C-alpha atoms as a PDB file:
ATOM      1  CA  MET A   1     -25.919   0.486 -47.886  1.00  0.00           C
ATOM      2  CA  LYS A   2     -24.014   3.246 -46.216  1.00  0.00           C
ATOM      3  CA  ILE A   3     -25.718   3.280 -43.134  1.00  0.00           C
ATOM      4  CA  ALA A   4     -25.948   0.031 -42.568  1.00  0.00           C
ATOM      5  CA  ALA A   5     -21.818   0.172 -42.664  1.00  0.00           C
ATOM      6  CA  ALA A   6     -21.744   2.794 -40.720  1.00  0.00           C
ATOM      7  CA  ILE A   7     -23.529   0.867 -38.019  1.00  0.00           C
ATOM      8  CA  ALA A   8     -21.760  -2.552 -38.934  1.00  0.00           C
ATOM      9  CA  SER A   9     -18.736  -0.365 -38.261  1.00  0.00           C
ATOM     10  CA  ALA A  10     -19.575   1.182 -34.791  1.00  0.00           C
ATOM     11  CA  LEU A  11     -20.853  -1.903 -33.579  1.00  0.00           C
ATOM     12  CA  GLY A  12     -17.889  -3.491 -34.156  1.00  0.00           C
ATOM     13  CA  LEU A  13     -15.751  -0.710 -33.029  1.00  0.00           C
ATOM     14  CA  CYS A  14     -18.146  -1.353 -29.824  1.00  0.00           C
ATOM     15  CA  ILE A  15     -17.567  -5.253 -29.578  1.00  0.00           C
ATOM     16  CA  ALA A  16     -13.755  -4.307 -30.320  1.00  0.00           C
ATOM     17  CA  THR A  17     -13.623  -2.179 -27.315  1.00  0.00           C
ATOM     18  CA  ALA A  18     -15.627  -4.221 -25.149  1.00  0.00           C
ATOM     19  CA  ALA A  19     -13.393  -6.740 -25.525  1.00  0.00           C
ATOM     20  CA  PHE A  20     -10.697  -4.137 -23.473  1.00  0.00           C
ATOM     21  CA  ALA A  21     -13.493  -2.609 -21.628  1.00  0.00           C
ATOM     22  CA  ASP A  22     -14.964  -5.326 -19.585  1.00  0.00           C
ATOM     23  CA  THR A  23     -11.964  -5.097 -17.148  1.00  0.00           C
ATOM     24  CA  SER A  24      -9.861  -1.528 -18.540  1.00  0.00           C
ATOM     25  CA  GLY A  25     -11.945  -0.170 -15.433  1.00  0.00           C
ATOM     26  CA  LYS A  26     -10.685  -3.120 -12.811  1.00  0.00           C
ATOM     27  CA  LYS A  27      -7.808  -2.874 -10.265  1.00  0.00           C
ATOM     28  CA  ILE A  28      -5.325  -5.904  -9.300  1.00  0.00           C
ATOM     29  CA  ALA A  29      -3.106  -5.923  -6.716  1.00  0.00           C
ATOM     30  CA  LEU A  30      -0.288  -7.934  -5.757  1.00  0.00           C
ATOM     31  CA  SER A  31      -0.114  -8.543  -2.035  1.00  0.00           C
ATOM     32  CA  ASN A  32       3.730 -10.593  -1.310  1.00  0.00           C
ATOM     33  CA  ASN A  33       5.129 -11.346   2.159  1.00  0.00           C
ATOM     34  CA  TYR A  34       8.463 -11.656   1.543  1.00  0.00           C
ATOM     35  CA  ALA A  35      11.139  -9.940  -1.388  1.00  0.00           C
ATOM     36  CA  GLY A  36      14.556 -11.359   0.869  1.00  0.00           C
ATOM     37  CA  ASN A  37      15.896 -13.596  -2.263  1.00  0.00           C
ATOM     38  CA  SER A  38      16.588 -13.591  -5.744  1.00  0.00           C
ATOM     39  CA  TRP A  39      13.352 -15.586  -6.830  1.00  0.00           C
ATOM     40  CA  ARG A  40      11.035 -13.276  -5.242  1.00  0.00           C
ATOM     41  CA  GLN A  41      13.037  -9.954  -6.917  1.00  0.00           C
ATOM     42  CA  ALA A  42      12.912 -11.820 -10.399  1.00  0.00           C
ATOM     43  CA  MET A  43       8.732 -12.623  -9.385  1.00  0.00           C
ATOM     44  CA  LEU A  44       8.280  -8.961  -8.519  1.00  0.00           C
ATOM     45  CA  LYS A  45       9.967  -7.724 -11.641  1.00  0.00           C
ATOM     46  CA  SER A  46       7.585 -10.454 -13.591  1.00  0.00           C
ATOM     47  CA  TRP A  47       4.698  -8.257 -12.617  1.00  0.00           C
ATOM     48  CA  ALA A  48       6.259  -4.843 -13.191  1.00  0.00           C
ATOM     49  CA  LYS A  49       6.368  -6.334 -16.933  1.00  0.00           C
ATOM     50  CA  VAL A  50       3.502  -7.756 -17.573  1.00  0.00           C
ATOM     51  CA  GLY A  51       1.232  -6.005 -15.027  1.00  0.00           C
ATOM     52  CA  ASP A  52       2.399  -2.541 -17.065  1.00  0.00           C
ATOM     53  CA  LYS A  53       2.280  -3.662 -19.815  1.00  0.00           C
ATOM     54  CA  ALA A  54      -1.420  -4.377 -19.356  1.00  0.00           C
ATOM     55  CA  VAL A  55      -2.021  -1.072 -17.719  1.00  0.00           C
ATOM     56  CA  ALA A  56      -0.412   0.596 -21.059  1.00  0.00           C
ATOM     57  CA  ASP A  57      -2.565  -1.781 -23.582  1.00  0.00           C
ATOM     58  CA  LYS A  58      -6.328  -0.945 -20.530  1.00  0.00           C
ATOM     59  CA  ILE A  59      -6.177  -3.912 -20.022  1.00  0.00           C
ATOM     60  CA  VAL A  60      -6.517  -2.595 -16.429  1.00  0.00           C
ATOM     61  CA  ALA A  61      -6.472   0.531 -14.676  1.00  0.00           C
ATOM     62  CA  ALA A  62      -3.891  -0.931 -12.372  1.00  0.00           C
ATOM     63  CA  ALA A  63      -1.649  -3.244 -11.230  1.00  0.00           C
ATOM     64  CA  ASP A  64       0.162  -2.425  -8.136  1.00  0.00           C
ATOM     65  CA  ALA A  65       2.387  -4.456  -5.910  1.00  0.00           C
ATOM     66  CA  PHE A  66       2.743  -4.259  -2.260  1.00  0.00           C
ATOM     67  CA  THR A  67       5.329  -6.432  -0.194  1.00  0.00           C
ATOM     68  CA  THR A  68       5.286  -6.951   3.775  1.00  0.00           C
ATOM     69  CA  ALA A  69       7.873  -5.269   5.871  1.00  0.00           C
ATOM     70  CA  ASP A  70       8.363  -8.534   7.446  1.00  0.00           C
ATOM     71  CA  LYS A  71       7.593 -12.525   6.889  1.00  0.00           C
ATOM     72  CA  GLU A  72       5.104 -12.733   9.519  1.00  0.00           C
ATOM     73  CA  ALA A  73       1.222 -13.438   8.557  1.00  0.00           C
ATOM     74  CA  PRO A  74      -0.202 -10.973  10.814  1.00  0.00           C
ATOM     75  CA  THR A  75       1.690  -8.233   8.659  1.00  0.00           C
ATOM     76  CA  GLN A  76       0.076  -9.916   5.241  1.00  0.00           C
ATOM     77  CA  ALA A  77      -3.349 -10.120   6.946  1.00  0.00           C
ATOM     78  CA  ALA A  78      -3.593  -6.125   7.841  1.00  0.00           C
ATOM     79  CA  GLN A  79      -2.079  -5.699   4.208  1.00  0.00           C
ATOM     80  CA  ILE A  80      -4.716  -7.321   2.862  1.00  0.00           C
ATOM     81  CA  GLN A  81      -7.609  -5.428   4.757  1.00  0.00           C
ATOM     82  CA  ASN A  82      -6.121  -2.125   3.373  1.00  0.00           C
ATOM     83  CA  LEU A  83      -6.422  -3.167   0.208  1.00  0.00           C
ATOM     84  CA  ILE A  84      -9.700  -4.049   0.739  1.00  0.00           C
ATOM     85  CA  LEU A  85      -9.794  -0.429   1.903  1.00  0.00           C
ATOM     86  CA  GLN A  86      -8.280   0.991  -1.572  1.00  0.00           C
ATOM     87  CA  GLY A  87     -10.856  -0.736  -3.324  1.00  0.00           C
ATOM     88  CA  TYR A  88      -8.921  -3.602  -5.859  1.00  0.00           C
ATOM     89  CA  ASP A  89     -11.222  -5.301  -7.456  1.00  0.00           C
ATOM     90  CA  ALA A  90      -8.548  -8.460  -7.650  1.00  0.00           C
ATOM     91  CA  ILE A  91      -5.938  -9.237  -4.813  1.00  0.00           C
ATOM     92  CA  VAL A  92      -3.380 -11.891  -6.521  1.00  0.00           C
ATOM     93  CA  ILE A  93      -1.380 -13.645  -2.897  1.00  0.00           C
ATOM     94  CA  ASP A  94       2.190 -14.983  -2.343  1.00  0.00           C
ATOM     95  CA  ALA A  95       0.899 -16.468   0.868  1.00  0.00           C
ATOM     96  CA  ALA A  96       2.704 -16.073   4.323  1.00  0.00           C
ATOM     97  CA  SER A  97       0.616 -19.476   5.587  1.00  0.00           C
ATOM     98  CA  PRO A  98      -1.937 -21.862   4.409  1.00  0.00           C
ATOM     99  CA  ASP A  99      -4.042 -20.691   6.927  1.00  0.00           C
ATOM    100  CA  ALA A 100      -3.322 -18.114   8.774  1.00  0.00           C
ATOM    101  CA  LEU A 101      -4.515 -15.503   6.299  1.00  0.00           C
ATOM    102  CA  ASN A 102      -7.969 -17.595   5.839  1.00  0.00           C
ATOM    103  CA  GLY A 103      -9.815 -14.891   7.771  1.00  0.00           C
ATOM    104  CA  ALA A 104      -8.710 -11.735   5.822  1.00  0.00           C
ATOM    105  CA  ILE A 105      -9.384 -13.739   2.681  1.00  0.00           C
ATOM    106  CA  LYS A 106     -12.456 -14.625   3.393  1.00  0.00           C
ATOM    107  CA  GLN A 107     -13.145 -10.446   3.939  1.00  0.00           C
ATOM    108  CA  ALA A 108     -11.905  -9.883   0.436  1.00  0.00           C
ATOM    109  CA  CYS A 109     -13.959 -12.564  -0.911  1.00  0.00           C
ATOM    110  CA  ASP A 110     -17.127 -10.956   1.026  1.00  0.00           C
ATOM    111  CA  ALA A 111     -16.282  -7.873  -0.471  1.00  0.00           C
ATOM    112  CA  LYS A 112     -16.703  -8.839  -3.931  1.00  0.00           C
ATOM    113  CA  ILE A 113     -12.822  -9.135  -4.622  1.00  0.00           C
ATOM    114  CA  VAL A 114     -11.487 -11.707  -6.576  1.00  0.00           C
ATOM    115  CA  VAL A 115      -8.470 -13.075  -4.722  1.00  0.00           C
ATOM    116  CA  VAL A 116      -5.739 -15.381  -6.902  1.00  0.00           C
ATOM    117  CA  ALA A 117      -3.301 -17.551  -4.893  1.00  0.00           C
ATOM    118  CA  PHE A 118      -0.180 -18.923  -6.291  1.00  0.00           C
ATOM    119  CA  ASP A 119       3.570 -20.341  -4.773  1.00  0.00           C
ATOM    120  CA  GLY A 120       1.764 -19.348  -1.318  1.00  0.00           C
ATOM    121  CA  LEU A 121      -1.008 -20.978  -1.347  1.00  0.00           C
ATOM    122  CA  VAL A 122      -3.984 -20.674   1.474  1.00  0.00           C
ATOM    123  CA  THR A 123      -6.555 -22.806   2.152  1.00  0.00           C
ATOM    124  CA  GLU A 124      -9.658 -20.625   1.918  1.00  0.00           C
ATOM    125  CA  PRO A 125     -12.187 -21.910   0.160  1.00  0.00           C
ATOM    126  CA  CYS A 126     -13.044 -18.772  -1.620  1.00  0.00           C
ATOM    127  CA  ALA A 127      -9.726 -17.849  -2.814  1.00  0.00           C
ATOM    128  CA  TYR A 128      -8.854 -19.210  -6.311  1.00  0.00           C
ATOM    129  CA  LYS A 129      -5.751 -20.966  -6.515  1.00  0.00           C
ATOM    130  CA  VAL A 130      -2.042 -21.502  -9.707  1.00  0.00           C
ATOM    131  CA  THR A 131      -1.260 -24.528  -8.131  1.00  0.00           C
ATOM    132  CA  VAL A 132       2.070 -26.522  -9.260  1.00  0.00           C
ATOM    133  CA  ASP A 133       2.274 -30.442  -7.814  1.00  0.00           C
ATOM    134  CA  LEU A 134       5.252 -29.686  -5.740  1.00  0.00           C
ATOM    135  CA  ALA A 135       5.023 -32.930  -3.837  1.00  0.00           C
ATOM    136  CA  ASN A 136       5.580 -34.856  -6.863  1.00  0.00           C
ATOM    137  CA  GLU A 137       7.037 -32.714  -9.101  1.00  0.00           C
ATOM    138  CA  TYR A 138       9.340 -31.216  -7.182  1.00  0.00           C
ATOM    139  CA  GLY A 139      10.075 -32.586  -3.876  1.00  0.00           C
ATOM    140  CA  ALA A 140       9.926 -36.438  -4.998  1.00  0.00           C
ATOM    141  CA  GLU A 141      11.499 -35.641  -7.881  1.00  0.00           C
ATOM    142  CA  GLU A 142      14.620 -34.728  -6.320  1.00  0.00           C
ATOM    143  CA  VAL A 143      14.925 -37.857  -4.799  1.00  0.00           C
ATOM    144  CA  ARG A 144      14.247 -39.728  -7.545  1.00  0.00           C
ATOM    145  CA  GLN A 145      16.831 -37.868  -9.500  1.00  0.00           C
ATOM    146  CA  THR A 146      19.167 -38.075  -6.143  1.00  0.00           C
ATOM    147  CA  ALA A 147      18.926 -41.781  -6.572  1.00  0.00           C
ATOM    148  CA  LYS A 148      19.606 -42.079  -9.816  1.00  0.00           C
ATOM    149  CA  ARG A 149      23.119 -40.839  -9.733  1.00  0.00           C
ATOM    150  CA  LEU A 150      23.755 -42.299  -5.863  1.00  0.00           C
ATOM    151  CA  PRO A 151      22.944 -46.322  -6.549  1.00  0.00           C
ATOM    152  CA  ASN A 152      24.492 -47.519  -3.238  1.00  0.00           C
ATOM    153  CA  GLY A 153      22.509 -44.611  -1.089  1.00  0.00           C
ATOM    154  CA  GLY A 154      24.238 -42.356   1.332  1.00  0.00           C
ATOM    155  CA  ASN A 155      23.591 -40.035   3.907  1.00  0.00           C
ATOM    156  CA  LEU A 156      21.421 -37.092   3.032  1.00  0.00           C
ATOM    157  CA  LEU A 157      21.273 -32.824   4.287  1.00  0.00           C
ATOM    158  CA  TYR A 158      17.860 -31.529   3.614  1.00  0.00           C
ATOM    159  CA  ILE A 159      17.412 -27.695   3.860  1.00  0.00           C
ATOM    160  CA  ARG A 160      14.454 -26.792   4.165  1.00  0.00           C
ATOM    161  CA  GLY A 161      12.548 -23.454   3.019  1.00  0.00           C
ATOM    162  CA  LEU A 162      10.465 -20.767   4.878  1.00  0.00           C
ATOM    163  CA  ALA A 163       8.993 -22.444   7.636  1.00  0.00           C
ATOM    164  CA  GLY A 164       4.876 -22.447   8.389  1.00  0.00           C
ATOM    165  CA  THR A 165       4.546 -21.747   4.409  1.00  0.00           C
ATOM    166  CA  SER A 166       2.667 -24.162   2.335  1.00  0.00           C
ATOM    167  CA  ILE A 167       5.985 -24.366  -0.365  1.00  0.00           C
ATOM    168  CA  ASP A 168       7.735 -26.135   2.510  1.00  0.00           C
ATOM    169  CA  ASP A 169       5.166 -28.694   3.569  1.00  0.00           C
ATOM    170  CA  ASP A 170       4.562 -29.553  -0.082  1.00  0.00           C
ATOM    171  CA  ILE A 171       8.103 -29.990  -1.268  1.00  0.00           C
ATOM    172  CA  THR A 172       8.794 -31.754   2.356  1.00  0.00           C
ATOM    173  CA  ARG A 173       6.068 -34.303   2.122  1.00  0.00           C
ATOM    174  CA  GLY A 174       7.215 -35.120  -1.363  1.00  0.00           C
ATOM    175  CA  VAL A 175      10.783 -35.815  -0.405  1.00  0.00           C
ATOM    176  CA  LYS A 176       9.462 -37.819   2.809  1.00  0.00           C
ATOM    177  CA  SER A 177       7.098 -39.620   0.969  1.00  0.00           C
ATOM    178  CA  GLU A 178       9.607 -40.568  -2.020  1.00  0.00           C
ATOM    179  CA  LEU A 179      12.537 -41.385   0.865  1.00  0.00           C
ATOM    180  CA  ALA A 180      10.676 -43.858   2.153  1.00  0.00           C
ATOM    181  CA  LYS A 181      10.787 -46.384  -1.145  1.00  0.00           C
ATOM    182  CA  HIS A 182      15.039 -45.949  -1.219  1.00  0.00           C
ATOM    183  CA  PRO A 183      16.231 -46.625   2.086  1.00  0.00           C
ATOM    184  CA  ASN A 184      19.347 -46.745   1.365  1.00  0.00           C
ATOM    185  CA  LEU A 185      19.173 -42.800   1.541  1.00  0.00           C
ATOM    186  CA  LYS A 186      18.703 -41.304   4.614  1.00  0.00           C
ATOM    187  CA  ILE A 187      18.575 -37.343   5.595  1.00  0.00           C
ATOM    188  CA  VAL A 188      20.534 -37.357   8.617  1.00  0.00           C
ATOM    189  CA  GLY A 189      20.478 -33.138   9.515  1.00  0.00           C
ATOM    190  CA  GLU A 190      18.179 -30.400   8.795  1.00  0.00           C
ATOM    191  CA  VAL A 191      18.119 -27.188   8.642  1.00  0.00           C
ATOM    192  CA  ASN A 192      16.175 -24.147   7.061  1.00  0.00           C
ATOM    193  CA  GLY A 193      17.889 -22.340   4.383  1.00  0.00           C
ATOM    194  CA  ASN A 194      14.713 -19.567   3.335  1.00  0.00           C
ATOM    195  CA  TRP A 195      15.311 -20.696  -0.446  1.00  0.00           C
ATOM    196  CA  ASP A 196      18.186 -18.085   0.179  1.00  0.00           C
ATOM    197  CA  GLN A 197      22.081 -18.187  -0.303  1.00  0.00           C
ATOM    198  CA  THR A 198      23.169 -16.725   2.396  1.00  0.00           C
ATOM    199  CA  THR A 199      21.107 -17.939   4.594  1.00  0.00           C
ATOM    200  CA  ALA A 200      21.754 -21.359   3.104  1.00  0.00           C
ATOM    201  CA  GLN A 201      25.237 -21.484   4.137  1.00  0.00           C
ATOM    202  CA  LYS A 202      25.397 -19.858   7.459  1.00  0.00           C
ATOM    203  CA  ALA A 203      22.578 -22.430   8.098  1.00  0.00           C
ATOM    204  CA  VAL A 204      24.525 -25.244   6.655  1.00  0.00           C
ATOM    205  CA  ALA A 205      27.922 -24.232   8.213  1.00  0.00           C
ATOM    206  CA  SER A 206      26.230 -24.400  11.469  1.00  0.00           C
ATOM    207  CA  ILE A 207      25.138 -27.878  11.390  1.00  0.00           C
ATOM    208  CA  LEU A 208      28.299 -29.725   9.351  1.00  0.00           C
ATOM    209  CA  PRO A 209      30.720 -30.293  12.420  1.00  0.00           C
ATOM    210  CA  SER A 210      27.976 -32.757  13.810  1.00  0.00           C
ATOM    211  CA  LEU A 211      27.205 -34.752  11.046  1.00  0.00           C
ATOM    212  CA  PRO A 212      28.667 -37.773   8.928  1.00  0.00           C
ATOM    213  CA  PRO A 213      30.113 -37.890   5.350  1.00  0.00           C
ATOM    214  CA  ILE A 214      27.083 -36.634   2.982  1.00  0.00           C
ATOM    215  CA  ALA A 215      26.600 -38.098  -0.021  1.00  0.00           C
ATOM    216  CA  GLY A 216      23.783 -35.885  -1.627  1.00  0.00           C
ATOM    217  CA  VAL A 217      22.104 -32.391  -0.556  1.00  0.00           C
ATOM    218  CA  ILE A 218      18.134 -32.247  -1.523  1.00  0.00           C
ATOM    219  CA  ASP A 219      17.079 -28.380  -1.032  1.00  0.00           C
ATOM    220  CA  GLN A 220      14.037 -26.336  -2.293  1.00  0.00           C
ATOM    221  CA  GLY A 221      15.934 -23.547  -4.420  1.00  0.00           C
ATOM    222  CA  GLY A 222      18.066 -21.094  -3.792  1.00  0.00           C
ATOM    223  CA  ASN A 223      20.410 -22.960  -1.352  1.00  0.00           C
ATOM    224  CA  ALA A 224      22.618 -24.792  -3.500  1.00  0.00           C
ATOM    225  CA  TYR A 225      25.341 -22.414  -3.960  1.00  0.00           C
ATOM    226  CA  GLY A 226      25.107 -21.080  -0.046  1.00  0.00           C
ATOM    227  CA  ALA A 227      25.375 -24.973   0.365  1.00  0.00           C
ATOM    228  CA  ALA A 228      28.443 -25.719  -1.469  1.00  0.00           C
ATOM    229  CA  GLN A 229      30.189 -22.771  -0.047  1.00  0.00           C
ATOM    230  CA  ALA A 230      29.635 -23.901   3.028  1.00  0.00           C
ATOM    231  CA  PHE A 231      30.883 -27.494   2.069  1.00  0.00           C
ATOM    232  CA  LYS A 232      34.024 -25.704   0.674  1.00  0.00           C
ATOM    233  CA  ALA A 233      34.904 -23.672   3.735  1.00  0.00           C
ATOM    234  CA  ALA A 234      34.975 -26.882   6.080  1.00  0.00           C
ATOM    235  CA  GLY A 235      36.986 -28.726   4.049  1.00  0.00           C
ATOM    236  CA  ARG A 236      34.342 -31.181   3.683  1.00  0.00           C
ATOM    237  CA  LYS A 237      34.050 -33.180   0.453  1.00  0.00           C
ATOM    238  CA  LEU A 238      31.682 -31.834  -2.065  1.00  0.00           C
ATOM    239  CA  PRO A 239      28.213 -33.905  -2.678  1.00  0.00           C
ATOM    240  CA  LEU A 240      25.781 -34.236  -5.406  1.00  0.00           C
ATOM    241  CA  ILE A 241      24.035 -31.163  -4.462  1.00  0.00           C
ATOM    242  CA  MET A 242      20.350 -30.533  -6.169  1.00  0.00           C
ATOM    243  CA  LEU A 243      19.954 -26.808  -7.270  1.00  0.00           C
ATOM    244  CA  GLY A 244      17.150 -24.440  -8.257  1.00  0.00           C
ATOM    245  CA  ASN A 245      17.337 -22.910 -11.547  1.00  0.00           C
ATOM    246  CA  ARG A 246      19.438 -19.640  -9.493  1.00  0.00           C
ATOM    247  CA  GLN A 247      21.656 -17.984 -11.889  1.00  0.00           C
ATOM    248  CA  ASP A 248      24.689 -18.573  -9.325  1.00  0.00           C
ATOM    249  CA  GLU A 249      24.121 -22.046  -9.059  1.00  0.00           C
ATOM    250  CA  LEU A 250      23.793 -22.293 -12.966  1.00  0.00           C
ATOM    251  CA  ALA A 251      27.403 -21.140 -13.032  1.00  0.00           C
ATOM    252  CA  TRP A 252      28.374 -22.711 -10.713  1.00  0.00           C
ATOM    253  CA  TRP A 253      27.421 -25.958 -11.633  1.00  0.00           C
ATOM    254  CA  LYS A 254      28.737 -24.973 -15.620  1.00  0.00           C
ATOM    255  CA  ASP A 255      32.346 -24.776 -13.573  1.00  0.00           C
ATOM    256  CA  GLN A 256      31.990 -28.063 -11.912  1.00  0.00           C
ATOM    257  CA  ILE A 257      30.880 -29.843 -14.985  1.00  0.00           C
ATOM    258  CA  LYS A 258      34.191 -28.541 -16.589  1.00  0.00           C
ATOM    259  CA  ALA A 259      36.419 -29.184 -13.476  1.00  0.00           C
ATOM    260  CA  ASP A 260      35.326 -33.410 -13.511  1.00  0.00           C
ATOM    261  CA  GLY A 261      31.898 -33.330 -14.850  1.00  0.00           C
ATOM    262  CA  TYR A 262      29.583 -33.036 -12.135  1.00  0.00           C
ATOM    263  CA  ASP A 263      26.102 -34.186 -12.714  1.00  0.00           C
ATOM    264  CA  SER A 264      23.246 -32.210 -10.961  1.00  0.00           C
ATOM    265  CA  TRP A 265      19.772 -31.461 -11.588  1.00  0.00           C
ATOM    266  CA  SER A 266      17.635 -28.163 -11.444  1.00  0.00           C
ATOM    267  CA  ALA A 267      14.021 -27.078 -10.767  1.00  0.00           C
ATOM    268  CA  SER A 268      12.161 -24.780  -9.433  1.00  0.00           C
ATOM    269  CA  GLU A 269       9.040 -23.148  -9.829  1.00  0.00           C
ATOM    270  CA  ALA A 270       9.491 -20.050 -12.669  1.00  0.00           C
ATOM    271  CA  PRO A 271       9.097 -16.733 -10.753  1.00  0.00           C
ATOM    272  CA  GLY A 272       6.829 -15.622 -14.109  1.00  0.00           C
ATOM    273  CA  MET A 273       4.027 -18.020 -12.726  1.00  0.00           C
ATOM    274  CA  VAL A 274       3.024 -14.527 -11.222  1.00  0.00           C
ATOM    275  CA  THR A 275       1.842 -13.610 -14.258  1.00  0.00           C
ATOM    276  CA  PHE A 276       0.121 -16.771 -14.652  1.00  0.00           C
ATOM    277  CA  ALA A 277      -1.648 -16.024 -11.290  1.00  0.00           C
ATOM    278  CA  PHE A 278      -2.086 -12.395 -12.760  1.00  0.00           C
ATOM    279  CA  TRP A 279      -3.654 -13.197 -15.971  1.00  0.00           C
ATOM    280  CA  VAL A 280      -6.345 -15.748 -13.813  1.00  0.00           C
ATOM    281  CA  ALA A 281      -7.153 -12.839 -11.876  1.00  0.00           C
ATOM    282  CA  GLN A 282      -8.221 -10.443 -14.940  1.00  0.00           C
ATOM    283  CA  GLN A 283      -9.940 -13.620 -16.629  1.00  0.00           C
ATOM    284  CA  ILE A 284     -12.418 -13.923 -13.607  1.00  0.00           C
ATOM    285  CA  LEU A 285     -12.588 -10.116 -13.163  1.00  0.00           C
ATOM    286  CA  ASP A 286     -13.766 -10.244 -17.043  1.00  0.00           C
ATOM    287  CA  GLY A 287     -16.450 -12.696 -16.216  1.00  0.00           C
ATOM    288  CA  LYS A 288     -14.727 -15.796 -18.107  1.00  0.00           C
ATOM    289  CA  LYS A 289     -15.834 -19.188 -15.549  1.00  0.00           C
ATOM    290  CA  VAL A 290     -12.361 -20.039 -14.278  1.00  0.00           C
ATOM    291  CA  PRO A 291     -12.304 -23.278 -11.913  1.00  0.00           C
ATOM    292  CA  LYS A 292     -11.063 -22.762  -8.455  1.00  0.00           C
ATOM    293  CA  GLU A 293      -7.576 -24.523  -8.831  1.00  0.00           C
ATOM    294  CA  VAL A 294      -5.885 -24.115 -12.356  1.00  0.00           C
ATOM    295  CA  PRO A 295      -2.129 -26.097 -12.660  1.00  0.00           C
ATOM    296  CA  MET A 296       0.987 -25.021 -14.196  1.00  0.00           C
ATOM    297  CA  GLY A 297       4.262 -27.213 -14.806  1.00  0.00           C
ATOM    298  CA  ILE A 298       7.840 -26.778 -12.656  1.00  0.00           C
ATOM    299  CA  LEU A 299      10.683 -25.579 -14.884  1.00  0.00           C
ATOM    300  CA  THR A 300      13.489 -28.200 -14.699  1.00  0.00           C
ATOM    301  CA  ILE A 301      17.172 -27.700 -16.710  1.00  0.00           C
ATOM    302  CA  GLU A 302      18.955 -31.215 -17.520  1.00  0.00           C
ATOM    303  CA  GLN A 303      22.643 -30.215 -18.088  1.00  0.00           C
ATOM    304  CA  LYS A 304      21.875 -30.620 -22.250  1.00  0.00           C
ATOM    305  CA  ASP A 305      19.800 -27.587 -21.497  1.00  0.00           C
ATOM    306  CA  LEU A 306      22.050 -25.935 -19.296  1.00  0.00           C
ATOM    307  CA  ASP A 307      23.743 -23.322 -21.445  1.00  0.00           C
ATOM    308  CA  LYS A 308      20.558 -21.533 -22.874  1.00  0.00           C
ATOM    309  CA  TYR A 309      19.017 -20.988 -19.175  1.00  0.00           C
ATOM    310  CA  LEU A 310      22.633 -19.948 -18.344  1.00  0.00           C
ATOM    311  CA  ASP A 311      22.404 -17.250 -21.318  1.00  0.00           C
ATOM    312  CA  THR A 312      19.019 -16.203 -20.257  1.00  0.00           C
ATOM    313  CA  THR A 313      19.538 -15.425 -16.867  1.00  0.00           C
ATOM    314  CA  PRO A 314      20.305 -12.330 -15.268  1.00  0.00           C
ATOM    315  CA  VAL A 315      23.757 -12.287 -13.251  1.00  0.00           C
ATOM    316  CA  GLY A 316      21.909 -12.488  -9.705  1.00  0.00           C
ATOM    317  CA  GLY A 317      18.251 -13.788 -10.924  1.00  0.00           C
ATOM    318  CA  VAL A 318      16.555 -17.255 -11.909  1.00  0.00           C
ATOM    319  CA  ALA A 319      15.690 -19.048 -14.586  1.00  0.00           C
ATOM    320  CA  ASN A 320      11.945 -17.856 -15.754  1.00  0.00           C
ATOM    321  CA  VAL A 321       9.394 -17.511 -18.126  1.00  0.00           C
ATOM    322  CA  GLU A 322       6.348 -15.514 -18.254  1.00  0.00           C
ATOM    323  CA  TYR A 323       3.232 -16.270 -19.109  1.00  0.00           C
ATOM    324  CA  THR A 324       0.805 -14.653 -21.630  1.00  0.00           C
ATOM    325  CA  GLN A 325      -3.016 -13.963 -21.723  1.00  0.00           C
ATOM    326  CA  ASP A 326      -3.328 -16.633 -24.517  1.00  0.00           C
ATOM    327  CA  GLU A 327      -1.324 -19.418 -22.546  1.00  0.00           C
ATOM    328  CA  VAL A 328      -3.762 -18.555 -19.681  1.00  0.00           C
ATOM    329  CA  ILE A 329      -6.743 -18.720 -21.800  1.00  0.00           C
ATOM    330  CA  LYS A 330      -5.492 -21.924 -22.305  1.00  0.00           C
ATOM    331  CA  ALA A 331      -4.205 -23.065 -19.277  1.00  0.00           C
ATOM    332  CA  ILE A 332      -8.292 -22.799 -18.236  1.00  0.00           C
ATOM    333  CA  ALA A 333      -9.481 -24.468 -20.866  1.00  0.00           C
ATOM    334  CA  ALA A 334      -7.911 -27.769 -20.037  1.00  0.00           C
ATOM    335  CA  ALA A 335      -8.528 -27.453 -16.555  1.00  0.00           C
ATOM    336  CA  SER A 336     -12.042 -27.126 -16.926  1.00  0.00           C
ATOM    337  CA  LYS A 337     -12.729 -29.911 -19.102  1.00  0.00           C
ATOM    338  CA  PRO A 338     -14.169 -33.278 -16.905  1.00  0.00           C
END
């Protein structure tokens, strides 16, 4: 009996250890092409928080982050090639371009490296993708929320994101598609704000003198506060501005509510989606069957929830949520159902 118990105990220990040993020697890298706004900074912090804990818990051997010095796709392609040479087992990527990185990603896949794209997606078939329906849940929904608040219609200013990225393309597709259903809303000006308040403020300030009265501003997150400051500096009437979950935007919104009941809506991908992609990569390395696309939702903030998110979002940060391994396992299971 003692021998049997000892064998059972040893077997149990091996099984328990195996649950972690399958990926305990694996190295996962984050390839990031841009860190020049609060969303990307929060994303990098979320990666470090969850990745460092996974290393400490011996779930993986490394979870390193790499950010390029510029926003150009060739620079990120070279970065990916370096990660291949460094022997990483998986690369989680926020891509500068949907297709310009496909060659480097194919090289990684050919080297038996798992590639998981999130936020800025890629079209290379070998890559796995964490998907968000940015066209409908974000772009089109912003137009619907705007139409609800501007029943008489009006002129719109559209602040786009980083040119050439799948994020900008997807959100814009949703915006333009939904606008076709609201002929009383019309985009009369369009600028790129790069999801950054300072860039957005300069871009909006440069175009405002040429625009007629603006009833609403649709953007892609990280632009609303800068846009509001540009309107204020120009002495223009404050329009309805859609918000993007940044702390400065949420604090500004609260001030406007106190002043005159300003009614708006806020949404963005959570920067913590990088942790969702991390766990997807870990599960693939663990030998789990994972579909090529694993969907996740967008983080929206209604006025009734504003204080809750504002209280938990650091100054200069973005409203966020990070994901656990169990949550991602459940998401994978849901995505695998026929």
